[in-house]
């Protein structure tokens, strides 16, 4: 007579654990890639929103001043006035995590013949002399980038 077996053999258990490990590795890899993409998109959107906020404050002539954004590789700063003053306590700094701004000091024209890291919007009009592109790149994969284009009429794309 046959005796009824209950349970799993070692081979069946090993097969199930191997499949579970393989599925877990693929899932974690996909999750990691997705998380890096989300970090890039969120940082890009926050930066674009800050630029739009600076323009809106300039159009509204908040504090009767021009408004702008100063760019550095690992952060950007919202400031009031016609130029960036790093010692101004009213500056609003935003640190970037997982991404950086590519070549911030040469991304925008300075309105004359050079380049600079500042984007300043004129009060009442919201226009700027600082045209160019701001490129945000993922730290983990330099091929993943997002670009903000600034035009002299103040249009932000």
C-alpha atoms as a PDB file:
ATOM      1  CA  UNK A   1       0.000   0.000   0.000  1.00  0.00           C
ATOM      2  CA  UNK A   2       0.954   3.527  -0.668  1.00  0.00           C
ATOM      3  CA  UNK A   3       1.417   5.845   2.211  1.00  0.00           C
ATOM      4  CA  UNK A   4      -0.001   9.324   1.558  1.00  0.00           C
ATOM      5  CA  UNK A   5       2.753  11.986   1.650  1.00  0.00           C
ATOM      6  CA  UNK A   6       2.069  15.324   3.244  1.00  0.00           C
ATOM      7  CA  UNK A   7       4.272  18.363   2.768  1.00  0.00           C
ATOM      8  CA  UNK A   8       6.900  19.399   0.240  1.00  0.00           C
ATOM      9  CA  UNK A   9      10.093  17.810  -0.897  1.00  0.00           C
ATOM     10  CA  UNK A  10      13.350  19.695  -0.656  1.00  0.00           C
ATOM     11  CA  UNK A  11      13.459  20.155  -4.431  1.00  0.00           C
ATOM     12  CA  UNK A  12       9.979  21.672  -4.508  1.00  0.00           C
ATOM     13  CA  UNK A  13      10.883  24.003  -1.652  1.00  0.00           C
ATOM     14  CA  UNK A  14      14.138  25.019  -3.364  1.00  0.00           C
ATOM     15  CA  UNK A  15      12.269  25.695  -6.617  1.00  0.00           C
ATOM     16  CA  UNK A  16       9.677  27.899  -4.897  1.00  0.00           C
ATOM     17  CA  UNK A  17      12.368  29.869  -3.021  1.00  0.00           C
ATOM     18  CA  UNK A  18      14.372  30.367  -6.225  1.00  0.00           C
ATOM     19  CA  UNK A  19      11.320  31.675  -8.080  1.00  0.00           C
ATOM     20  CA  UNK A  20      10.464  33.964  -5.180  1.00  0.00           C
ATOM     21  CA  UNK A  21      14.034  35.364  -5.114  1.00  0.00           C
ATOM     22  CA  UNK A  22      14.031  35.929  -8.878  1.00  0.00           C
ATOM     23  CA  UNK A  23      10.688  37.746  -8.827  1.00  0.00           C
ATOM     24  CA  UNK A  24      11.846  39.853  -5.851  1.00  0.00           C
ATOM     25  CA  UNK A  25      15.068  40.902  -7.577  1.00  0.00           C
ATOM     26  CA  UNK A  26      13.216  41.923 -10.741  1.00  0.00           C
ATOM     27  CA  UNK A  27      10.617  43.815  -8.716  1.00  0.00           C
ATOM     28  CA  UNK A  28      13.201  45.681  -6.650  1.00  0.00           C
ATOM     29  CA  UNK A  29      15.173  46.613  -9.746  1.00  0.00           C
ATOM     30  CA  UNK A  30      12.064  48.022 -11.427  1.00  0.00           C
ATOM     31  CA  UNK A  31      11.066  49.845  -8.247  1.00  0.00           C
ATOM     32  CA  UNK A  32      14.513  51.426  -7.934  1.00  0.00           C
ATOM     33  CA  UNK A  33      14.414  52.640 -11.543  1.00  0.00           C
ATOM     34  CA  UNK A  34      10.896  54.017 -11.072  1.00  0.00           C
ATOM     35  CA  UNK A  35      11.888  55.769  -7.825  1.00  0.00           C
ATOM     36  CA  UNK A  36      14.833  57.533  -9.527  1.00  0.00           C
ATOM     37  CA  UNK A  37      12.561  58.690 -12.355  1.00  0.00           C
ATOM     38  CA  UNK A  38       9.998  60.015  -9.873  1.00  0.00           C
ATOM     39  CA  UNK A  39      12.741  61.900  -7.996  1.00  0.00           C
ATOM     40  CA  UNK A  40      13.855  63.569 -11.231  1.00  0.00           C
ATOM     41  CA  UNK A  41      10.307  64.514 -12.261  1.00  0.00           C
ATOM     42  CA  UNK A  42       9.392  65.848  -8.800  1.00  0.00           C
ATOM     43  CA  UNK A  43      12.578  67.933  -8.493  1.00  0.00           C
ATOM     44  CA  UNK A  44      12.067  69.278 -12.002  1.00  0.00           C
ATOM     45  CA  UNK A  45       8.448  70.230 -11.266  1.00  0.00           C
ATOM     46  CA  UNK A  46       9.404  71.933  -7.977  1.00  0.00           C
ATOM     47  CA  UNK A  47      12.118  73.942  -9.736  1.00  0.00           C
ATOM     48  CA  UNK A  48       9.738  74.965 -12.517  1.00  0.00           C
ATOM     49  CA  UNK A  49       7.157  75.989  -9.904  1.00  0.00           C
ATOM     50  CA  UNK A  50       9.724  78.117  -8.091  1.00  0.00           C
ATOM     51  CA  UNK A  51      10.625  79.867 -11.356  1.00  0.00           C
ATOM     52  CA  UNK A  52       6.926  80.514 -12.023  1.00  0.00           C
ATOM     53  CA  UNK A  53       6.523  81.817  -8.444  1.00  0.00           C
ATOM     54  CA  UNK A  54       9.409  84.260  -8.949  1.00  0.00           C
ATOM     55  CA  UNK A  55       7.802  85.480 -12.152  1.00  0.00           C
ATOM     56  CA  UNK A  56       4.386  85.839 -10.501  1.00  0.00           C
ATOM     57  CA  UNK A  57       5.894  87.797  -7.602  1.00  0.00           C
ATOM     58  CA  UNK A  58       7.667  90.074 -10.084  1.00  0.00           C
ATOM     59  CA  UNK A  59       4.473  90.684 -12.066  1.00  0.00           C
ATOM     60  CA  UNK A  60       2.656  91.484  -8.823  1.00  0.00           C
ATOM     61  CA  UNK A  61       5.606  93.684  -7.791  1.00  0.00           C
ATOM     62  CA  UNK A  62       5.686  91.972  -4.390  1.00  0.00           C
ATOM     63  CA  UNK A  63       7.684  94.177  -1.986  1.00  0.00           C
ATOM     64  CA  UNK A  64       7.980  96.588  -4.955  1.00  0.00           C
ATOM     65  CA  UNK A  65      10.974  94.564  -6.285  1.00  0.00           C
ATOM     66  CA  UNK A  66      12.107  92.358  -9.103  1.00  0.00           C
ATOM     67  CA  UNK A  67      12.237  88.644  -8.242  1.00  0.00           C
ATOM     68  CA  UNK A  68      14.562  85.894  -9.347  1.00  0.00           C
ATOM     69  CA  UNK A  69      16.076  82.474  -8.880  1.00  0.00           C
ATOM     70  CA  UNK A  70      19.779  81.761  -8.373  1.00  0.00           C
ATOM     71  CA  UNK A  71      20.982  78.329  -9.555  1.00  0.00           C
ATOM     72  CA  UNK A  72      23.768  76.188  -8.150  1.00  0.00           C
ATOM     73  CA  UNK A  73      24.553  72.533  -8.883  1.00  0.00           C
ATOM     74  CA  UNK A  74      22.912  71.156  -5.746  1.00  0.00           C
ATOM     75  CA  UNK A  75      20.378  73.858  -4.901  1.00  0.00           C
ATOM     76  CA  UNK A  76      18.440  76.879  -6.097  1.00  0.00           C
ATOM     77  CA  UNK A  77      17.478  80.048  -4.248  1.00  0.00           C
ATOM     78  CA  UNK A  78      14.403  82.274  -4.635  1.00  0.00           C
ATOM     79  CA  UNK A  79      15.400  85.909  -4.022  1.00  0.00           C
ATOM     80  CA  UNK A  80      13.995  89.408  -4.296  1.00  0.00           C
ATOM     81  CA  UNK A  81      15.772  92.299  -5.960  1.00  0.00           C
ATOM     82  CA  UNK A  82      17.654  92.888  -9.176  1.00  0.00           C
ATOM     83  CA  UNK A  83      20.577  90.654  -8.218  1.00  0.00           C
ATOM     84  CA  UNK A  84      21.296  87.689  -5.954  1.00  0.00           C
ATOM     85  CA  UNK A  85      22.700  88.584  -2.518  1.00  0.00           C
ATOM     86  CA  UNK A  86      23.800  85.426  -0.708  1.00  0.00           C
ATOM     87  CA  UNK A  87      23.696  87.210   2.659  1.00  0.00           C
ATOM     88  CA  UNK A  88      20.030  88.231   2.374  1.00  0.00           C
ATOM     89  CA  UNK A  89      18.109  86.446   5.156  1.00  0.00           C
ATOM     90  CA  UNK A  90      14.891  86.520   3.083  1.00  0.00           C
ATOM     91  CA  UNK A  91      16.310  84.140   0.457  1.00  0.00           C
ATOM     92  CA  UNK A  92      14.463  80.820   0.197  1.00  0.00           C
ATOM     93  CA  UNK A  93      16.880  77.936  -0.462  1.00  0.00           C
ATOM     94  CA  UNK A  94      15.802  74.557  -1.817  1.00  0.00           C
ATOM     95  CA  UNK A  95      18.305  71.686  -1.687  1.00  0.00           C
ATOM     96  CA  UNK A  96      18.201  69.147  -4.506  1.00  0.00           C
ATOM     97  CA  UNK A  97      18.311  65.424  -3.650  1.00  0.00           C
ATOM     98  CA  UNK A  98      19.151  62.773  -6.208  1.00  0.00           C
ATOM     99  CA  UNK A  99      19.464  65.341  -9.004  1.00  0.00           C
ATOM    100  CA  UNK A 100      21.575  68.352  -9.852  1.00  0.00           C
ATOM    101  CA  UNK A 101      21.514  71.365 -12.137  1.00  0.00           C
ATOM    102  CA  UNK A 102      23.964  70.943 -14.992  1.00  0.00           C
ATOM    103  CA  UNK A 103      26.387  73.870 -15.534  1.00  0.00           C
ATOM    104  CA  UNK A 104      24.305  76.488 -13.701  1.00  0.00           C
ATOM    105  CA  UNK A 105      26.818  79.308 -14.197  1.00  0.00           C
ATOM    106  CA  UNK A 106      26.705  79.016 -18.001  1.00  0.00           C
ATOM    107  CA  UNK A 107      23.069  78.068 -18.572  1.00  0.00           C
ATOM    108  CA  UNK A 108      21.558  81.538 -18.870  1.00  0.00           C
ATOM    109  CA  UNK A 109      22.704  84.704 -20.598  1.00  0.00           C
ATOM    110  CA  UNK A 110      23.275  87.576 -18.192  1.00  0.00           C
ATOM    111  CA  UNK A 111      21.495  90.080 -20.430  1.00  0.00           C
ATOM    112  CA  UNK A 112      24.755  91.562 -21.705  1.00  0.00           C
ATOM    113  CA  UNK A 113      27.528  89.528 -23.319  1.00  0.00           C
ATOM    114  CA  UNK A 114      28.150  86.853 -20.711  1.00  0.00           C
ATOM    115  CA  UNK A 115      26.493  84.086 -18.783  1.00  0.00           C
ATOM    116  CA  UNK A 116      25.346  83.769 -15.207  1.00  0.00           C
ATOM    117  CA  UNK A 117      23.492  81.611 -12.717  1.00  0.00           C
ATOM    118  CA  UNK A 118      20.710  84.108 -12.023  1.00  0.00           C
ATOM    119  CA  UNK A 119      17.258  84.415 -13.560  1.00  0.00           C
ATOM    120  CA  UNK A 120      15.699  87.785 -12.721  1.00  0.00           C
ATOM    121  CA  UNK A 121      12.162  88.789 -13.709  1.00  0.00           C
ATOM    122  CA  UNK A 122      11.228  92.471 -14.085  1.00  0.00           C
ATOM    123  CA  UNK A 123       8.463  93.769 -11.879  1.00  0.00           C
ATOM    124  CA  UNK A 124       5.107  94.424 -13.540  1.00  0.00           C
ATOM    125  CA  UNK A 125       6.068  92.714 -16.846  1.00  0.00           C
ATOM    126  CA  UNK A 126       7.576  89.386 -15.756  1.00  0.00           C
ATOM    127  CA  UNK A 127      10.041  89.582 -18.611  1.00  0.00           C
ATOM    128  CA  UNK A 128      13.703  88.680 -18.293  1.00  0.00           C
ATOM    129  CA  UNK A 129      17.001  89.353 -20.019  1.00  0.00           C
ATOM    130  CA  UNK A 130      18.278  85.972 -18.798  1.00  0.00           C
ATOM    131  CA  UNK A 131      17.431  83.533 -21.576  1.00  0.00           C
ATOM    132  CA  UNK A 132      18.630  79.983 -21.976  1.00  0.00           C
ATOM    133  CA  UNK A 133      18.040  76.501 -20.642  1.00  0.00           C
ATOM    134  CA  UNK A 134      18.225  74.977 -17.182  1.00  0.00           C
ATOM    135  CA  UNK A 135      19.082  71.271 -17.357  1.00  0.00           C
ATOM    136  CA  UNK A 136      18.252  69.005 -14.425  1.00  0.00           C
ATOM    137  CA  UNK A 137      20.084  65.657 -14.470  1.00  0.00           C
ATOM    138  CA  UNK A 138      19.703  62.561 -12.293  1.00  0.00           C
ATOM    139  CA  UNK A 139      22.789  61.839 -10.155  1.00  0.00           C
ATOM    140  CA  UNK A 140      22.460  58.097 -10.699  1.00  0.00           C
ATOM    141  CA  UNK A 141      22.054  58.242 -14.496  1.00  0.00           C
ATOM    142  CA  UNK A 142      23.339  61.236 -16.446  1.00  0.00           C
ATOM    143  CA  UNK A 143      21.292  60.207 -19.485  1.00  0.00           C
ATOM    144  CA  UNK A 144      18.077  61.069 -17.615  1.00  0.00           C
ATOM    145  CA  UNK A 145      17.545  64.819 -17.971  1.00  0.00           C
ATOM    146  CA  UNK A 146      14.769  67.395 -17.979  1.00  0.00           C
ATOM    147  CA  UNK A 147      15.143  70.863 -19.522  1.00  0.00           C
ATOM    148  CA  UNK A 148      13.453  74.169 -18.697  1.00  0.00           C
ATOM    149  CA  UNK A 149      13.684  76.796 -21.448  1.00  0.00           C
ATOM    150  CA  UNK A 150      13.486  80.478 -20.526  1.00  0.00           C
ATOM    151  CA  UNK A 151      12.646  83.070 -23.184  1.00  0.00           C
ATOM    152  CA  UNK A 152      13.071  86.854 -22.986  1.00  0.00           C
ATOM    153  CA  UNK A 153       9.328  87.471 -22.924  1.00  0.00           C
ATOM    154  CA  UNK A 154       9.260  85.456 -19.692  1.00  0.00           C
ATOM    155  CA  UNK A 155       7.795  82.308 -21.214  1.00  0.00           C
ATOM    156  CA  UNK A 156       8.830  79.168 -19.326  1.00  0.00           C
ATOM    157  CA  UNK A 157       8.732  75.837 -21.184  1.00  0.00           C
END
